[in-house]
């Protein structure tokens, strides 16, 4: 017994069980309900149109890289030229099909194409440049088709 405490207080304190803070803790409900994070356009599931468009843009971008490499070695092969043309043509078809529902097709293609290239370990700056080049080629095809 501690000499400075009266006997009654010391007995009461010794007789009560030790308090466990965890058992008496209050878990208040937050005032603001946390919402689910918004869906990023870069992480579209593989069975969506967005993913497909991104994959086409990425493939066309990588074909541009392959064509530049071939050209530096002396000449562009017909197979690479044909593959690049087929990919741009396929993008043109998707653009025509989706333009009513996705009037900003370019931003969709840009976001998902860049994400697909970055997923293939292409540096972000290079991915953006490749996507820009693919969209420039696509716009040339669109202008030609409209004339």
Protein backbone atom coordinates (compact mmCIF):
# COMPACT_ATOMS: atom_id res chain seq x y z
CA UNK A 1 0.00 0.00 0.00
CA UNK A 2 1.30 3.41 -0.93
CA UNK A 3 1.67 5.71 2.09
CA UNK A 4 0.17 8.78 0.39
CA UNK A 5 -3.11 7.06 -0.66
CA UNK A 6 -5.95 6.34 1.78
CA UNK A 7 -6.63 2.66 2.36
CA UNK A 8 -10.07 2.68 0.68
CA UNK A 9 -8.77 4.06 -2.62
CA UNK A 10 -5.88 1.64 -2.67
CA UNK A 11 -8.20 -1.35 -2.10
CA UNK A 12 -10.59 -0.28 -4.81
CA UNK A 13 -7.81 0.20 -7.28
CA UNK A 14 -6.25 -3.13 -6.47
CA UNK A 15 -9.57 -4.97 -6.55
CA UNK A 16 -10.65 -3.77 -10.01
CA UNK A 17 -9.41 -5.80 -13.00
CA UNK A 18 -6.82 -4.15 -15.23
CA UNK A 19 -8.37 -2.19 -18.09
CA UNK A 20 -7.56 -3.30 -21.58
CA UNK A 21 -7.74 -0.30 -23.83
CA UNK A 22 -8.56 -2.38 -26.85
CA UNK A 23 -11.75 -3.72 -25.26
CA UNK A 24 -13.01 -0.25 -24.43
CA UNK A 25 -11.92 1.54 -27.58
CA UNK A 26 -14.53 3.37 -29.59
CA UNK A 27 -14.50 2.94 -33.34
CA UNK A 28 -16.57 5.85 -34.66
CA UNK A 29 -18.11 5.64 -38.08
CA UNK A 30 -16.46 8.15 -40.37
CA UNK A 31 -18.58 11.16 -41.27
CA UNK A 32 -17.70 10.76 -44.95
CA UNK A 33 -18.25 7.43 -46.61
CA UNK A 34 -15.22 6.37 -48.60
CA UNK A 35 -16.15 5.73 -52.21
CA UNK A 36 -14.56 3.16 -54.44
CA UNK A 37 -11.71 4.59 -56.49
CA UNK A 38 -12.63 5.72 -59.97
CA UNK A 39 -11.79 3.36 -62.79
CA UNK A 40 -8.65 4.36 -64.57
CA UNK A 41 -8.78 4.31 -68.33
CA UNK A 42 -5.30 2.77 -68.33
CA UNK A 43 -6.41 -0.37 -66.55
CA UNK A 44 -9.25 -1.52 -68.78
CA UNK A 45 -9.96 -5.26 -68.72
CA UNK A 46 -8.72 -7.17 -71.74
CA UNK A 47 -12.21 -7.79 -73.13
CA UNK A 48 -13.16 -4.14 -73.68
CA UNK A 49 -13.14 -1.99 -76.77
CA UNK A 50 -10.83 0.44 -75.03
CA UNK A 51 -8.24 -2.28 -74.49
CA UNK A 52 -8.55 -3.42 -78.10
CA UNK A 53 -8.11 0.12 -79.44
CA UNK A 54 -5.11 0.61 -77.14
CA UNK A 55 -3.56 -2.64 -78.36
CA UNK A 56 -4.01 -1.55 -81.99
CA UNK A 57 -2.42 1.84 -81.32
CA UNK A 58 0.47 0.17 -79.46
CA UNK A 59 1.01 -2.35 -82.26
CA UNK A 60 1.00 0.43 -84.85
CA UNK A 61 3.47 2.40 -82.73
CA UNK A 62 5.81 -0.56 -82.42
CA UNK A 63 5.55 -1.10 -86.17
CA UNK A 64 6.72 2.49 -86.64
CA UNK A 65 9.75 1.69 -84.45
CA UNK A 66 10.42 -1.42 -86.51
CA UNK A 67 10.10 0.53 -89.76
CA UNK A 68 12.52 3.20 -88.54
CA UNK A 69 14.99 0.50 -87.54
CA UNK A 70 14.72 -1.19 -90.93
CA UNK A 71 15.10 2.12 -92.72
CA UNK A 72 18.27 2.86 -90.75
CA UNK A 73 19.65 -0.51 -91.89
CA UNK A 74 19.08 0.24 -95.55
CA UNK A 75 15.44 -0.21 -96.46
CA UNK A 76 11.90 -0.76 -95.32
CA UNK A 77 10.61 -4.26 -96.03
CA UNK A 78 7.24 -4.66 -97.73
CA UNK A 79 6.02 -6.86 -94.85
CA UNK A 80 6.58 -4.11 -92.27
CA UNK A 81 5.04 -1.49 -94.53
CA UNK A 82 2.00 -3.71 -95.10
CA UNK A 83 1.64 -4.50 -91.39
CA UNK A 84 1.72 -0.80 -90.51
CA UNK A 85 -0.83 0.00 -93.20
CA UNK A 86 -3.12 -2.80 -92.04
CA UNK A 87 -2.99 -1.58 -88.43
CA UNK A 88 -3.79 2.02 -89.41
CA UNK A 89 -6.60 0.74 -91.64
CA UNK A 90 -8.01 -1.30 -88.75
CA UNK A 91 -7.87 1.76 -86.49
CA UNK A 92 -9.67 3.75 -89.19
CA UNK A 93 -12.44 1.13 -89.31
CA UNK A 94 -12.83 1.20 -85.51
CA UNK A 95 -12.88 4.99 -85.55
CA UNK A 96 -15.66 5.03 -88.16
CA UNK A 97 -17.62 2.45 -86.16
CA UNK A 98 -17.20 4.14 -82.77
CA UNK A 99 -17.19 7.84 -83.63
CA UNK A 100 -20.93 8.25 -82.86
CA UNK A 101 -20.56 6.75 -79.37
CA UNK A 102 -17.03 8.05 -78.69
CA UNK A 103 -16.79 11.47 -80.35
CA UNK A 104 -13.40 11.96 -78.69
CA UNK A 105 -11.92 8.80 -80.19
CA UNK A 106 -8.46 10.36 -80.20
CA UNK A 107 -8.30 10.77 -76.42
CA UNK A 108 -9.50 7.18 -75.96
CA UNK A 109 -6.86 5.91 -78.40
CA UNK A 110 -4.20 8.13 -76.84
CA UNK A 111 -4.85 7.05 -73.25
CA UNK A 112 -5.14 3.33 -73.91
CA UNK A 113 -2.42 3.19 -76.56
CA UNK A 114 0.01 4.95 -74.27
CA UNK A 115 -0.93 2.61 -71.40
CA UNK A 116 -0.41 -0.44 -73.61
CA UNK A 117 3.01 0.78 -74.71
CA UNK A 118 4.06 1.55 -71.13
CA UNK A 119 2.90 -1.94 -70.14
CA UNK A 120 5.34 -3.24 -72.78
CA UNK A 121 8.18 -1.37 -70.98
CA UNK A 122 8.28 1.55 -73.41
CA UNK A 123 9.35 4.73 -71.57
CA UNK A 124 6.43 7.16 -71.05
CA UNK A 125 7.90 9.90 -73.26
CA UNK A 126 8.56 7.47 -76.11
CA UNK A 127 5.09 5.98 -75.71
CA UNK A 128 3.50 9.42 -76.02
CA UNK A 129 5.55 10.23 -79.13
CA UNK A 130 4.62 6.91 -80.77
CA UNK A 131 0.93 7.42 -80.02
CA UNK A 132 1.12 10.93 -81.49
CA UNK A 133 2.68 9.56 -84.68
CA UNK A 134 0.03 6.83 -85.00
CA UNK A 135 -2.75 9.41 -84.58
CA UNK A 136 -1.10 11.71 -87.16
CA UNK A 137 -1.13 8.82 -89.66
CA UNK A 138 -4.73 7.99 -88.75
CA UNK A 139 -5.78 11.63 -89.32
CA UNK A 140 -4.14 11.58 -92.75
CA UNK A 141 -6.22 8.51 -93.66
CA UNK A 142 -9.39 10.17 -92.31
CA UNK A 143 -8.74 13.34 -94.34
CA UNK A 144 -8.10 11.27 -97.47
CA UNK A 145 -11.31 9.28 -96.92
CA UNK A 146 -13.36 12.44 -96.45
CA UNK A 147 -12.15 13.99 -99.75
